[in-house]
Amino acid sequence: MRVGITGHQGLSDLTEMLVRGRMWQLVTAHGAYDLVGVGCLRPGPETWFAQAVLEHGGRIELIVPAGAPPEPSGVRRRLAARASAVHRLAPALAGGPGDDTCHALIGTVDELIAVWDGRPGSEPARVVEAARRAGLFVEVVWPDGCESPAR
């Protein structure tokens, strides 16, 4: 099962704790042998998800937008080093998707986890909308008590 991740960044410590707990439940509902987590490893939910997938025994794949720094730092670098595949997006000028990680993600997964407060206009909202249009199952993770990020 290939599971993608998107989510708000800049979440509070309380929200992180609540989201990590629910995310662990979702990850461990899959058999470790066939679980592949796919994302960009942005700080926050995408990194937490990758950690949970690896701790459960699954694999992770990384999507790198065109023009992204070649090496992430700290925890993200260690996670990237454990990726079983890295998908580097070609620049739009070269005919690739450029920074459009949304469609690259949607095109490579069976379902999506979205750490999203349900409000329109955010990156997670755009990815959820695209996933639903593509017919993917979307699991929105926003447990009671979560605090929306400042806009």
C-alpha atoms as a PDB file:
ATOM      1  CA  MET A   1       0.000   0.000   0.000  1.00  0.00           C
ATOM      2  CA  ARG A   2       1.439   3.346  -1.084  1.00  0.00           C
ATOM      3  CA  VAL A   3       0.306   6.119   1.253  1.00  0.00           C
ATOM      4  CA  GLY A   4       1.007   9.792   0.631  1.00  0.00           C
ATOM      5  CA  ILE A   5       1.213  12.530   3.216  1.00  0.00           C
ATOM      6  CA  THR A   6       0.464  16.238   3.209  1.00  0.00           C
ATOM      7  CA  GLY A   7      -0.079  18.584   6.100  1.00  0.00           C
ATOM      8  CA  HIS A   8       0.127  21.966   7.704  1.00  0.00           C
ATOM      9  CA  GLN A   9       3.492  23.144   8.938  1.00  0.00           C
ATOM     10  CA  GLY A  10       4.116  25.219  12.059  1.00  0.00           C
ATOM     11  CA  LEU A  11       1.779  23.265  14.327  1.00  0.00           C
ATOM     12  CA  SER A  12       1.759  23.616  18.110  1.00  0.00           C
ATOM     13  CA  ASP A  13       3.278  21.038  20.451  1.00  0.00           C
ATOM     14  CA  LEU A  14      -0.211  19.939  21.550  1.00  0.00           C
ATOM     15  CA  THR A  15      -1.304  19.467  17.950  1.00  0.00           C
ATOM     16  CA  GLU A  16       1.879  17.540  17.183  1.00  0.00           C
ATOM     17  CA  MET A  17       1.201  15.133  20.038  1.00  0.00           C
ATOM     18  CA  LEU A  18      -2.417  14.558  18.952  1.00  0.00           C
ATOM     19  CA  VAL A  19      -1.504  14.149  15.284  1.00  0.00           C
ATOM     20  CA  ARG A  20       1.406  11.781  15.968  1.00  0.00           C
ATOM     21  CA  GLY A  21      -0.884   9.545  18.033  1.00  0.00           C
ATOM     22  CA  ARG A  22      -3.514   9.295  15.298  1.00  0.00           C
ATOM     23  CA  MET A  23      -0.877   8.935  12.599  1.00  0.00           C
ATOM     24  CA  TRP A  24       0.672   5.966  14.453  1.00  0.00           C
ATOM     25  CA  GLN A  25      -2.751   4.277  14.528  1.00  0.00           C
ATOM     26  CA  LEU A  26      -3.120   4.734  10.772  1.00  0.00           C
ATOM     27  CA  VAL A  27       0.397   3.537   9.969  1.00  0.00           C
ATOM     28  CA  THR A  28       0.174   0.420  12.120  1.00  0.00           C
ATOM     29  CA  ALA A  29      -3.157  -0.537  10.537  1.00  0.00           C
ATOM     30  CA  HIS A  30      -1.075  -1.551   7.493  1.00  0.00           C
ATOM     31  CA  GLY A  31       1.263  -4.516   7.292  1.00  0.00           C
ATOM     32  CA  ALA A  32       4.840  -3.281   7.494  1.00  0.00           C
ATOM     33  CA  TYR A  33       5.934  -5.493   4.601  1.00  0.00           C
ATOM     34  CA  ASP A  34       3.832  -3.648   2.011  1.00  0.00           C
ATOM     35  CA  LEU A  35       3.661  -0.115   3.443  1.00  0.00           C
ATOM     36  CA  VAL A  36       5.390   2.636   1.472  1.00  0.00           C
ATOM     37  CA  GLY A  37       5.083   6.198   2.764  1.00  0.00           C
ATOM     38  CA  VAL A  38       5.506   8.874   0.095  1.00  0.00           C
ATOM     39  CA  GLY A  39       6.124  12.569   0.718  1.00  0.00           C
ATOM     40  CA  CYS A  40       8.460  15.529   0.489  1.00  0.00           C
ATOM     41  CA  LEU A  41       9.771  15.390   4.078  1.00  0.00           C
ATOM     42  CA  ARG A  42       8.776  18.961   4.824  1.00  0.00           C
ATOM     43  CA  PRO A  43       9.032  19.816   8.541  1.00  0.00           C
ATOM     44  CA  GLY A  44       6.062  18.696  10.607  1.00  0.00           C
ATOM     45  CA  PRO A  45       3.533  16.029   9.588  1.00  0.00           C
ATOM     46  CA  GLU A  46       5.493  14.811   6.561  1.00  0.00           C
ATOM     47  CA  THR A  47       8.556  14.138   8.695  1.00  0.00           C
ATOM     48  CA  TRP A  48       6.494  12.633  11.528  1.00  0.00           C
ATOM     49  CA  PHE A  49       4.803  10.315   9.048  1.00  0.00           C
ATOM     50  CA  ALA A  50       8.107   9.142   7.571  1.00  0.00           C
ATOM     51  CA  GLN A  51       9.412   8.420  11.065  1.00  0.00           C
ATOM     52  CA  ALA A  52       6.284   6.422  11.940  1.00  0.00           C
ATOM     53  CA  VAL A  53       6.447   4.396   8.702  1.00  0.00           C
ATOM     54  CA  LEU A  54      10.107   3.499   9.288  1.00  0.00           C
ATOM     55  CA  GLU A  55       9.525   2.691  12.978  1.00  0.00           C
ATOM     56  CA  HIS A  56       6.713   0.351  11.911  1.00  0.00           C
ATOM     57  CA  GLY A  57       9.054  -1.398   9.461  1.00  0.00           C
ATOM     58  CA  GLY A  58       7.741   0.101   6.226  1.00  0.00           C
ATOM     59  CA  ARG A  59       9.649   1.960   3.526  1.00  0.00           C
ATOM     60  CA  ILE A  60       9.617   5.606   2.515  1.00  0.00           C
ATOM     61  CA  GLU A  61       9.999   7.344  -0.826  1.00  0.00           C
ATOM     62  CA  LEU A  62      10.890  10.976  -1.230  1.00  0.00           C
ATOM     63  CA  ILE A  63       9.559  13.484  -3.764  1.00  0.00           C
ATOM     64  CA  VAL A  64      11.974  16.371  -4.338  1.00  0.00           C
ATOM     65  CA  PRO A  65      10.591  19.459  -6.085  1.00  0.00           C
ATOM     66  CA  ALA A  66      12.632  21.064  -8.847  1.00  0.00           C
ATOM     67  CA  GLY A  67      14.918  23.695  -7.403  1.00  0.00           C
ATOM     68  CA  ALA A  68      14.843  22.236  -3.888  1.00  0.00           C
ATOM     69  CA  PRO A  69      18.120  22.290  -1.981  1.00  0.00           C
ATOM     70  CA  PRO A  70      20.003  19.085  -2.779  1.00  0.00           C
ATOM     71  CA  GLU A  71      20.305  17.973   0.834  1.00  0.00           C
ATOM     72  CA  PRO A  72      17.853  18.484   3.672  1.00  0.00           C
ATOM     73  CA  SER A  73      19.308  19.025   7.127  1.00  0.00           C
ATOM     74  CA  GLY A  74      19.226  17.208  10.481  1.00  0.00           C
ATOM     75  CA  VAL A  75      16.426  14.692  10.997  1.00  0.00           C
ATOM     76  CA  ARG A  76      15.220  15.181   7.438  1.00  0.00           C
ATOM     77  CA  ARG A  77      18.675  14.274   6.081  1.00  0.00           C
ATOM     78  CA  ARG A  78      18.738  11.075   8.132  1.00  0.00           C
ATOM     79  CA  LEU A  79      15.253  10.148   6.898  1.00  0.00           C
ATOM     80  CA  ALA A  80      16.154  10.953   3.275  1.00  0.00           C
ATOM     81  CA  ALA A  81      19.159   8.658   3.563  1.00  0.00           C
ATOM     82  CA  ARG A  82      16.779   5.800   4.428  1.00  0.00           C
ATOM     83  CA  ALA A  83      14.464   6.408   1.459  1.00  0.00           C
ATOM     84  CA  SER A  84      14.137   3.415  -0.847  1.00  0.00           C
ATOM     85  CA  ALA A  85      13.531   5.780  -3.782  1.00  0.00           C
ATOM     86  CA  VAL A  86      13.961   9.480  -4.485  1.00  0.00           C
ATOM     87  CA  HIS A  87      11.819  11.068  -7.185  1.00  0.00           C
ATOM     88  CA  ARG A  88      13.406  14.345  -8.339  1.00  0.00           C
ATOM     89  CA  LEU A  89      10.995  16.499 -10.304  1.00  0.00           C
ATOM     90  CA  ALA A  90      12.329  18.098 -13.471  1.00  0.00           C
ATOM     91  CA  PRO A  91      12.048  21.881 -13.845  1.00  0.00           C
ATOM     92  CA  ALA A  92       8.978  23.156 -15.709  1.00  0.00           C
ATOM     93  CA  LEU A  93      11.275  24.768 -18.290  1.00  0.00           C
ATOM     94  CA  ALA A  94      12.570  21.300 -19.120  1.00  0.00           C
ATOM     95  CA  GLY A  95       9.058  19.905 -19.527  1.00  0.00           C
ATOM     96  CA  GLY A  96       8.761  18.537 -15.986  1.00  0.00           C
ATOM     97  CA  PRO A  97       6.282  19.391 -13.226  1.00  0.00           C
ATOM     98  CA  GLY A  98       8.690  21.818 -11.538  1.00  0.00           C
ATOM     99  CA  ASP A  99       7.496  22.519  -8.018  1.00  0.00           C
ATOM    100  CA  ASP A 100       4.123  20.806  -8.544  1.00  0.00           C
ATOM    101  CA  THR A 101       4.647  18.127  -5.940  1.00  0.00           C
ATOM    102  CA  CYS A 102       0.872  17.823  -5.540  1.00  0.00           C
ATOM    103  CA  HIS A 103       0.326  16.032  -8.836  1.00  0.00           C
ATOM    104  CA  ALA A 104       3.538  14.036  -8.498  1.00  0.00           C
ATOM    105  CA  LEU A 105       2.367  12.805  -5.090  1.00  0.00           C
ATOM    106  CA  ILE A 106      -1.195  12.048  -6.194  1.00  0.00           C
ATOM    107  CA  GLY A 107       0.082  10.110  -9.194  1.00  0.00           C
ATOM    108  CA  THR A 108       2.214   7.759  -7.106  1.00  0.00           C
ATOM    109  CA  VAL A 109      -0.009   6.764  -4.163  1.00  0.00           C
ATOM    110  CA  ASP A 110      -3.050   4.604  -3.433  1.00  0.00           C
ATOM    111  CA  GLU A 111      -4.374   6.816  -0.650  1.00  0.00           C
ATOM    112  CA  LEU A 112      -3.563  10.048   1.140  1.00  0.00           C
ATOM    113  CA  ILE A 113      -3.266  11.141   4.749  1.00  0.00           C
ATOM    114  CA  ALA A 114      -3.892  14.871   5.171  1.00  0.00           C
ATOM    115  CA  VAL A 115      -3.069  16.646   8.410  1.00  0.00           C
ATOM    116  CA  TRP A 116      -5.485  19.438   7.653  1.00  0.00           C
ATOM    117  CA  ASP A 117      -7.826  21.678   9.612  1.00  0.00           C
ATOM    118  CA  GLY A 118     -10.441  21.578   6.832  1.00  0.00           C
ATOM    119  CA  ARG A 119     -10.131  25.234   5.885  1.00  0.00           C
ATOM    120  CA  PRO A 120      -9.754  26.139   2.210  1.00  0.00           C
ATOM    121  CA  GLY A 121      -6.843  27.994   0.685  1.00  0.00           C
ATOM    122  CA  SER A 122      -3.911  26.037   2.100  1.00  0.00           C
ATOM    123  CA  GLU A 123      -1.472  23.614   0.476  1.00  0.00           C
ATOM    124  CA  PRO A 124      -3.111  20.626   2.228  1.00  0.00           C
ATOM    125  CA  ALA A 125      -6.523  21.800   0.949  1.00  0.00           C
ATOM    126  CA  ARG A 126      -5.206  21.866  -2.617  1.00  0.00           C
ATOM    127  CA  VAL A 127      -3.687  18.382  -2.321  1.00  0.00           C
ATOM    128  CA  VAL A 128      -6.864  16.946  -0.751  1.00  0.00           C
ATOM    129  CA  GLU A 129      -8.977  18.413  -3.540  1.00  0.00           C
ATOM    130  CA  ALA A 130      -6.681  16.941  -6.217  1.00  0.00           C
ATOM    131  CA  ALA A 131      -6.640  13.544  -4.485  1.00  0.00           C
ATOM    132  CA  ARG A 132     -10.408  13.408  -4.266  1.00  0.00           C
ATOM    133  CA  ARG A 133     -10.749  14.405  -7.938  1.00  0.00           C
ATOM    134  CA  ALA A 134      -8.387  11.540  -8.758  1.00  0.00           C
ATOM    135  CA  GLY A 135     -10.611   9.122  -6.818  1.00  0.00           C
ATOM    136  CA  LEU A 136      -8.143   8.477  -3.997  1.00  0.00           C
ATOM    137  CA  PHE A 137      -9.245   7.687  -0.467  1.00  0.00           C
ATOM    138  CA  VAL A 138      -8.296  10.623   1.792  1.00  0.00           C
ATOM    139  CA  GLU A 139      -7.927  10.240   5.554  1.00  0.00           C
ATOM    140  CA  VAL A 140      -8.091  13.690   7.157  1.00  0.00           C
ATOM    141  CA  VAL A 141      -6.215  13.764  10.448  1.00  0.00           C
ATOM    142  CA  TRP A 142      -7.308  16.579  12.718  1.00  0.00           C
ATOM    143  CA  PRO A 143      -8.107  15.175  16.173  1.00  0.00           C
ATOM    144  CA  ASP A 144     -10.249  17.133  18.648  1.00  0.00           C
ATOM    145  CA  GLY A 145      -8.081  19.705  20.416  1.00  0.00           C
ATOM    146  CA  CYS A 146      -5.807  20.478  17.465  1.00  0.00           C
ATOM    147  CA  GLU A 147      -4.943  24.124  16.903  1.00  0.00           C
ATOM    148  CA  SER A 148      -4.977  25.576  13.389  1.00  0.00           C
ATOM    149  CA  PRO A 149      -1.700  27.086  12.244  1.00  0.00           C
ATOM    150  CA  ALA A 150      -1.434  30.861  12.088  1.00  0.00           C
ATOM    151  CA  ARG A 151      -1.938  32.209   8.591  1.00  0.00           C
END
